[in-house]
């Protein structure tokens, strides 16, 4: 790799907590009027859940049926909120601040359409996210009688574990069980059927989203925004990345995303594009790009239809060296902002609602 073990990650590890700390310092300056929110936390910039199929086949080294047709794939990512801290109100001069802790027992699984319909080793990604977020009305808004504009900013700091629950050797030319594998220095290809894949990671994210042409009733708007992330693999803790896996999987990943969304009478239509790439890996892997369109009707209370195209590398645990060229179609599930809002006590409480997409 050209560096002593552990030296490369140390150069980028320090700035990650600053993603949250910077907004946390500003939030503290906003005032001491913090209050706990127990029943209707604001879900901003968190994972979604998906269930979908694909006409494209799944490739696995060593599988006699490869490439095999996919019966379905699921990404299950419930966001479990701890009590959320709020300060201010989005209509006030200083806007509204949120301090959030979220536990996400994230799981991905694939079922192949072959004899016995096997579920190949799932991806387990339990994680906890600390978020500092800010929501405010932008200058130039016309108030309650005309279209308005709003801004949401957030910094997420996530600590998580990523594994596939297997105990086989990482490389196909090794025998035994992890970590007692022979020969000790394995060689490509990977053992993509039963190979152990495991890493702990630290991830920092920055998000921004602007709402404009927000109608006075807050039920229609246009949204544009984007985000970025930096993720670092670490050997710290049980299940941390091994040096042989780091050499092939890399020191971490980075990525950016862009989003455009139309909310019309609380029906939501979204277009999102993303780019991600690993770093510090040998052999070098190409970047992955994706484009997703989704429609989430108001009566769906959080679920809708989506279509996505993915080109680059497979992101399913130990299959990361396989090329991805997938079309995906199915259902998307989000924590519906409206479904968790407390009922308004009177017509005069209508101005307490948050803009669509920021509830």
Protein backbone atom coordinates (compact mmCIF):
# COMPACT_ATOMS: atom_id res chain seq x y z
CA UNK A 1 0.00 0.00 0.00
CA UNK A 2 3.07 2.25 0.34
CA UNK A 3 2.41 3.40 3.96
CA UNK A 4 2.75 1.93 7.40
CA UNK A 5 -0.48 0.39 8.71
CA UNK A 6 -2.82 2.97 10.17
CA UNK A 7 -1.04 6.04 8.83
CA UNK A 8 -3.40 6.91 5.97
CA UNK A 9 -6.64 6.92 7.95
CA UNK A 10 -5.15 9.28 10.56
CA UNK A 11 -4.89 12.11 8.03
CA UNK A 12 -8.67 12.25 7.45
CA UNK A 13 -10.07 10.97 10.72
CA UNK A 14 -9.75 14.20 12.71
CA UNK A 15 -12.03 16.47 10.61
CA UNK A 16 -15.04 14.16 10.76
CA UNK A 17 -16.38 15.22 14.20
CA UNK A 18 -16.15 18.82 13.02
CA UNK A 19 -19.07 18.19 10.65
CA UNK A 20 -21.36 17.99 13.67
CA UNK A 21 -19.36 20.18 16.07
CA UNK A 22 -19.47 23.24 13.78
CA UNK A 23 -23.27 23.37 13.67
CA UNK A 24 -23.47 22.35 17.34
CA UNK A 25 -21.49 25.43 18.39
CA UNK A 26 -23.73 27.67 16.28
CA UNK A 27 -26.82 25.99 17.70
CA UNK A 28 -25.64 26.63 21.26
CA UNK A 29 -25.31 30.30 20.44
CA UNK A 30 -28.94 30.31 19.27
CA UNK A 31 -30.11 30.38 22.88
CA UNK A 32 -30.89 28.21 25.87
CA UNK A 33 -34.60 27.71 25.12
CA UNK A 34 -34.25 24.02 24.31
CA UNK A 35 -37.22 21.68 24.64
CA UNK A 36 -37.71 17.95 24.26
CA UNK A 37 -39.90 16.58 21.46
CA UNK A 38 -41.29 13.13 22.30
CA UNK A 39 -44.16 12.46 19.88
CA UNK A 40 -43.36 14.04 16.49
CA UNK A 41 -39.62 14.29 15.77
CA UNK A 42 -38.55 15.95 12.52
CA UNK A 43 -37.06 13.25 10.22
CA UNK A 44 -34.39 15.02 8.14
CA UNK A 45 -31.78 13.44 5.81
CA UNK A 46 -32.05 9.82 6.99
CA UNK A 47 -32.13 6.38 5.34
CA UNK A 48 -35.12 5.11 3.37
CA UNK A 49 -36.42 1.55 3.04
CA UNK A 50 -36.87 -0.18 -0.33
CA UNK A 51 -38.32 -3.41 -1.71
CA UNK A 52 -37.68 -3.98 -5.41
CA UNK A 53 -36.94 -6.30 -8.29
CA UNK A 54 -34.57 -6.03 -11.24
CA UNK A 55 -34.38 -7.52 -14.73
CA UNK A 56 -30.58 -7.69 -14.36
CA UNK A 57 -28.74 -10.72 -13.02
CA UNK A 58 -26.51 -11.00 -9.95
CA UNK A 59 -22.91 -12.14 -10.42
CA UNK A 60 -21.04 -14.14 -7.75
CA UNK A 61 -17.63 -15.77 -8.10
CA UNK A 62 -17.95 -19.52 -7.48
CA UNK A 63 -21.72 -19.73 -7.95
CA UNK A 64 -22.54 -22.34 -10.64
CA UNK A 65 -25.78 -20.45 -11.42
CA UNK A 66 -24.02 -17.10 -11.83
CA UNK A 67 -25.18 -14.75 -13.18
CA UNK A 68 -28.47 -15.58 -11.46
CA UNK A 69 -31.82 -13.79 -11.77
CA UNK A 70 -32.95 -11.71 -8.80
CA UNK A 71 -36.31 -12.57 -7.24
CA UNK A 72 -36.32 -9.46 -5.04
CA UNK A 73 -34.03 -7.23 -2.96
CA UNK A 74 -34.91 -5.35 0.21
CA UNK A 75 -33.26 -2.51 2.09
CA UNK A 76 -34.81 -2.36 5.56
CA UNK A 77 -33.82 0.81 7.41
CA UNK A 78 -36.22 1.79 10.22
CA UNK A 79 -35.07 4.99 11.93
CA UNK A 80 -35.62 4.67 15.69
CA UNK A 81 -35.60 8.12 17.30
CA UNK A 82 -34.44 8.98 20.75
CA UNK A 83 -36.19 12.08 22.19
CA UNK A 84 -35.30 15.05 19.99
CA UNK A 85 -34.18 18.47 21.23
CA UNK A 86 -35.65 21.59 19.57
CA UNK A 87 -34.81 25.28 19.87
CA UNK A 88 -36.77 28.14 18.32
CA UNK A 89 -39.30 27.98 15.48
CA UNK A 90 -38.69 27.93 11.74
CA UNK A 91 -40.60 31.21 11.30
CA UNK A 92 -38.58 33.05 13.96
CA UNK A 93 -35.57 35.23 13.15
CA UNK A 94 -33.07 32.63 14.32
CA UNK A 95 -34.93 29.70 12.80
CA UNK A 96 -35.32 26.29 14.41
CA UNK A 97 -32.56 23.92 15.57
CA UNK A 98 -32.73 20.17 16.09
CA UNK A 99 -30.40 17.85 18.00
CA UNK A 100 -31.19 14.25 17.14
CA UNK A 101 -29.92 10.76 17.96
CA UNK A 102 -31.20 7.96 15.72
CA UNK A 103 -30.59 4.20 15.90
CA UNK A 104 -30.92 2.42 12.53
CA UNK A 105 -30.82 -1.42 12.37
CA UNK A 106 -30.11 -1.31 8.63
CA UNK A 107 -30.30 -4.64 6.72
CA UNK A 108 -30.03 -5.46 3.01
CA UNK A 109 -30.91 -8.86 1.59
CA UNK A 110 -31.21 -10.49 -1.83
CA UNK A 111 -33.23 -13.55 -2.79
CA UNK A 112 -32.16 -15.21 -6.04
CA UNK A 113 -34.63 -16.83 -8.40
CA UNK A 114 -32.92 -20.23 -8.54
CA UNK A 115 -33.59 -23.68 -7.05
CA UNK A 116 -34.70 -23.28 -3.39
CA UNK A 117 -34.74 -19.45 -3.86
CA UNK A 118 -31.70 -18.85 -1.61
CA UNK A 119 -31.17 -15.62 0.32
CA UNK A 120 -27.48 -14.90 -0.15
CA UNK A 121 -25.55 -13.58 2.90
CA UNK A 122 -27.28 -10.32 3.90
CA UNK A 123 -25.62 -7.01 4.66
CA UNK A 124 -25.95 -6.02 8.32
CA UNK A 125 -25.28 -2.32 8.95
CA UNK A 126 -26.47 -1.34 12.45
CA UNK A 127 -25.53 2.27 13.20
CA UNK A 128 -26.23 5.26 15.39
CA UNK A 129 -26.40 8.78 13.97
CA UNK A 130 -26.02 12.08 15.80
CA UNK A 131 -27.52 14.97 13.84
CA UNK A 132 -27.44 18.74 14.17
CA UNK A 133 -29.99 20.39 11.86
CA UNK A 134 -31.27 23.89 11.20
CA UNK A 135 -34.51 25.03 9.53
CA UNK A 136 -35.46 28.60 8.73
CA UNK A 137 -37.48 30.92 6.50
CA UNK A 138 -35.26 32.77 4.00
CA UNK A 139 -35.31 36.56 3.60
CA UNK A 140 -37.63 37.73 0.86
CA UNK A 141 -40.45 35.36 1.76
CA UNK A 142 -43.90 36.94 1.55
CA UNK A 143 -45.07 35.58 4.86
CA UNK A 144 -48.46 33.92 5.38
CA UNK A 145 -50.15 35.59 2.39
CA UNK A 146 -47.81 34.61 -0.44
CA UNK A 147 -45.21 32.07 -1.57
CA UNK A 148 -42.28 31.63 0.78
CA UNK A 149 -38.79 30.15 0.82
CA UNK A 150 -37.06 27.98 3.38
CA UNK A 151 -33.67 26.42 4.08
CA UNK A 152 -32.64 23.23 5.88
CA UNK A 153 -29.04 22.40 6.82
CA UNK A 154 -27.76 19.33 8.64
CA UNK A 155 -24.56 17.60 9.71
CA UNK A 156 -24.67 13.88 10.56
CA UNK A 157 -22.01 11.90 12.40
CA UNK A 158 -22.55 8.14 12.19
CA UNK A 159 -20.80 5.25 13.92
CA UNK A 160 -21.65 1.84 12.51
CA UNK A 161 -20.74 -1.76 11.79
CA UNK A 162 -20.96 -3.45 8.38
CA UNK A 163 -20.76 -7.23 7.98
CA UNK A 164 -22.35 -10.23 6.27
CA UNK A 165 -22.40 -12.69 9.17
CA UNK A 166 -20.17 -15.26 7.45
CA UNK A 167 -17.08 -17.06 8.81
CA UNK A 168 -15.48 -18.33 5.60
CA UNK A 169 -12.07 -17.14 4.45
CA UNK A 170 -11.92 -13.80 2.62
CA UNK A 171 -10.09 -15.11 -0.47
CA UNK A 172 -11.19 -18.04 -2.63
CA UNK A 173 -7.74 -19.73 -2.53
CA UNK A 174 -7.80 -20.00 1.29
CA UNK A 175 -9.08 -22.86 3.40
CA UNK A 176 -10.39 -22.96 6.97
CA UNK A 177 -12.50 -20.41 8.76
CA UNK A 178 -11.82 -16.78 9.55
CA UNK A 179 -9.38 -15.84 11.09
CA UNK A 180 -7.56 -19.20 10.90
CA UNK A 181 -7.13 -19.34 7.12
CA UNK A 182 -4.38 -20.94 5.04
CA UNK A 183 -2.40 -19.71 3.28
CA UNK A 184 -2.26 -16.64 5.50
CA UNK A 185 -1.70 -14.32 2.53
CA UNK A 186 -4.64 -14.94 0.26
CA UNK A 187 -5.01 -13.81 -3.34
CA UNK A 188 -7.88 -12.68 -5.52
CA UNK A 189 -10.56 -13.64 -6.44
CA UNK A 190 -12.64 -13.20 -3.28
CA UNK A 191 -14.69 -15.96 -1.72
CA UNK A 192 -18.02 -14.39 -2.72
CA UNK A 193 -20.14 -17.31 -1.46
CA UNK A 194 -19.17 -17.68 2.22
CA UNK A 195 -16.32 -15.21 2.73
CA UNK A 196 -16.33 -13.14 5.92
CA UNK A 197 -16.85 -9.42 5.35
CA UNK A 198 -16.65 -7.08 8.35
CA UNK A 199 -15.70 -3.50 9.12
CA UNK A 200 -16.52 -0.74 11.57
CA UNK A 201 -16.84 2.75 10.15
CA UNK A 202 -17.12 6.42 10.99
CA UNK A 203 -19.14 8.53 8.56
CA UNK A 204 -19.64 12.27 8.31
CA UNK A 205 -22.36 13.88 6.18
CA UNK A 206 -23.33 17.43 5.18
CA UNK A 207 -26.79 18.17 3.75
CA UNK A 208 -28.55 21.27 2.42
CA UNK A 209 -32.04 21.72 0.99
CA UNK A 210 -33.90 24.82 -0.17
CA UNK A 211 -37.66 25.14 -0.52
CA UNK A 212 -39.12 27.82 -2.76
CA UNK A 213 -42.55 28.72 -4.11
CA UNK A 214 -43.92 27.40 -0.80
CA UNK A 215 -47.66 28.00 -0.79
CA UNK A 216 -49.25 29.70 2.26
CA UNK A 217 -50.97 26.45 3.27
CA UNK A 218 -47.54 24.72 3.23
CA UNK A 219 -48.92 21.87 1.11
CA UNK A 220 -47.05 22.65 -2.13
CA UNK A 221 -43.44 23.64 -2.87
CA UNK A 222 -40.34 23.01 -4.95
CA UNK A 223 -37.24 21.57 -3.26
CA UNK A 224 -33.65 21.46 -4.44
CA UNK A 225 -30.62 20.33 -2.50
CA UNK A 226 -27.64 18.08 -2.19
CA UNK A 227 -25.34 16.29 0.18
CA UNK A 228 -21.87 14.85 0.62
CA UNK A 229 -20.28 12.20 2.80
CA UNK A 230 -16.91 10.85 3.85
CA UNK A 231 -16.73 7.36 5.36
CA UNK A 232 -13.66 5.82 7.01
CA UNK A 233 -13.12 2.14 7.83
CA UNK A 234 -11.50 1.36 11.16
CA UNK A 235 -9.97 -1.60 12.97
CA UNK A 236 -11.25 -0.33 16.33
CA UNK A 237 -13.71 -2.54 18.16
CA UNK A 238 -15.09 -6.05 17.55
CA UNK A 239 -15.66 -6.68 13.86
CA UNK A 240 -13.23 -3.99 12.73
CA UNK A 241 -11.69 -4.23 9.28
CA UNK A 242 -8.69 -6.54 8.85
CA UNK A 243 -5.57 -5.49 6.98
CA UNK A 244 -6.19 -8.04 4.21
CA UNK A 245 -9.70 -6.72 3.70
CA UNK A 246 -8.55 -3.07 3.88
CA UNK A 247 -6.05 -3.74 1.11
CA UNK A 248 -8.84 -4.75 -1.29
CA UNK A 249 -11.89 -2.91 0.09
CA UNK A 250 -10.05 0.34 0.83
CA UNK A 251 -9.70 2.94 3.56
CA UNK A 252 -13.17 4.36 2.99
CA UNK A 253 -15.65 5.94 0.61
CA UNK A 254 -16.76 9.42 -0.38
CA UNK A 255 -19.76 10.63 -2.31
CA UNK A 256 -22.05 13.48 -3.35
CA UNK A 257 -25.73 13.68 -4.26
CA UNK A 258 -28.19 16.11 -5.86
CA UNK A 259 -31.94 16.18 -5.33
CA UNK A 260 -34.93 17.92 -6.89
CA UNK A 261 -38.44 17.44 -5.57
CA UNK A 262 -41.91 18.76 -6.36
CA UNK A 263 -44.52 18.69 -3.63
CA UNK A 264 -48.04 19.29 -4.93
CA UNK A 265 -50.98 19.12 -2.52
CA UNK A 266 -48.71 16.96 -0.30
CA UNK A 267 -48.05 14.48 -3.15
CA UNK A 268 -44.28 14.18 -3.65
CA UNK A 269 -42.29 13.60 -6.86
CA UNK A 270 -38.50 13.25 -6.52
CA UNK A 271 -35.44 12.99 -8.75
CA UNK A 272 -32.12 12.17 -7.09
CA UNK A 273 -28.66 11.51 -8.54
CA UNK A 274 -25.65 10.23 -6.59
CA UNK A 275 -21.95 9.58 -7.12
CA UNK A 276 -19.74 7.55 -4.76
CA UNK A 277 -16.22 6.12 -4.91
CA UNK A 278 -13.80 4.20 -2.67
CA UNK A 279 -10.24 5.27 -1.88
CA UNK A 280 -7.11 3.46 -0.71
CA UNK A 281 -7.98 0.15 -2.39
CA UNK A 282 -5.93 -2.22 -4.60
CA UNK A 283 -6.90 -3.00 -7.33
CA UNK A 284 -8.59 0.31 -8.05
CA UNK A 285 -12.39 0.23 -8.36
CA UNK A 286 -14.39 2.63 -10.46
CA UNK A 287 -16.92 5.10 -9.10
CA UNK A 288 -20.63 4.27 -8.91
CA UNK A 289 -23.37 6.56 -10.21
CA UNK A 290 -27.10 6.23 -9.74
CA UNK A 291 -30.26 8.07 -10.73
CA UNK A 292 -33.61 7.55 -9.00
CA UNK A 293 -37.13 8.85 -9.61
CA UNK A 294 -39.90 8.35 -7.07
CA UNK A 295 -43.54 9.26 -6.59
CA UNK A 296 -44.97 9.26 -3.04
CA UNK A 297 -48.70 10.04 -2.90
CA UNK A 298 -50.11 11.75 0.17
CA UNK A 299 -52.51 8.87 0.81
CA UNK A 300 -49.54 6.50 0.91
CA UNK A 301 -48.53 7.95 4.32
CA UNK A 302 -44.87 7.35 3.52
CA UNK A 303 -44.66 4.78 0.73
CA UNK A 304 -44.45 5.21 -3.01
CA UNK A 305 -43.09 3.84 -6.29
CA UNK A 306 -39.55 4.30 -7.54
CA UNK A 307 -37.25 3.41 -10.43
CA UNK A 308 -33.44 3.54 -10.22
CA UNK A 309 -30.46 2.95 -12.48
CA UNK A 310 -27.08 2.01 -10.96
CA UNK A 311 -23.78 1.81 -12.85
CA UNK A 312 -20.40 1.08 -11.31
CA UNK A 313 -19.60 -1.39 -8.53
CA UNK A 314 -21.93 -3.65 -6.56
CA UNK A 315 -22.47 -2.35 -3.01
CA UNK A 316 -23.66 -5.65 -1.50
CA UNK A 317 -21.03 -6.62 1.15
CA UNK A 318 -18.37 -8.98 -0.24
CA UNK A 319 -19.59 -8.53 -3.85
CA UNK A 320 -17.91 -5.11 -3.99
CA UNK A 321 -15.55 -6.18 -6.82
CA UNK A 322 -18.44 -7.16 -9.08
CA UNK A 323 -19.58 -4.68 -11.73
CA UNK A 324 -23.03 -3.14 -11.35
CA UNK A 325 -25.29 -2.29 -14.28
CA UNK A 326 -28.74 -2.53 -12.70
CA UNK A 327 -32.25 -1.29 -13.30
CA UNK A 328 -34.36 -1.46 -10.13
CA UNK A 329 -38.13 -1.03 -9.77
CA UNK A 330 -40.30 -1.26 -6.67
CA UNK A 331 -41.57 0.38 -3.50
CA UNK A 332 -39.88 3.03 -1.38
CA UNK A 333 -40.84 3.68 2.24
CA UNK A 334 -40.10 6.85 4.20
CA UNK A 335 -41.11 8.07 7.60
CA UNK A 336 -43.97 10.30 6.52
CA UNK A 337 -43.52 13.79 7.97
CA UNK A 338 -47.27 14.44 8.13
CA UNK A 339 -48.13 11.10 9.70
CA UNK A 340 -46.11 11.88 12.85
CA UNK A 341 -47.21 15.48 13.37
CA UNK A 342 -49.38 16.20 16.39
CA UNK A 343 -52.92 17.27 15.57
CA UNK A 344 -53.49 21.02 15.51
CA UNK A 345 -55.54 22.27 18.43
CA UNK A 346 -57.16 25.12 16.53
CA UNK A 347 -57.10 26.99 13.25
CA UNK A 348 -54.73 29.51 14.83
CA UNK A 349 -52.15 26.75 15.23
CA UNK A 350 -51.80 26.31 11.45
CA UNK A 351 -48.74 28.58 11.35
CA UNK A 352 -46.91 26.14 13.65
CA UNK A 353 -46.66 23.58 10.87
CA UNK A 354 -43.33 23.15 9.14
CA UNK A 355 -42.92 23.41 5.36
CA UNK A 356 -43.52 20.25 3.32
CA UNK A 357 -40.46 18.04 3.23
CA UNK A 358 -39.06 19.53 6.46
CA UNK A 359 -41.53 18.19 9.02
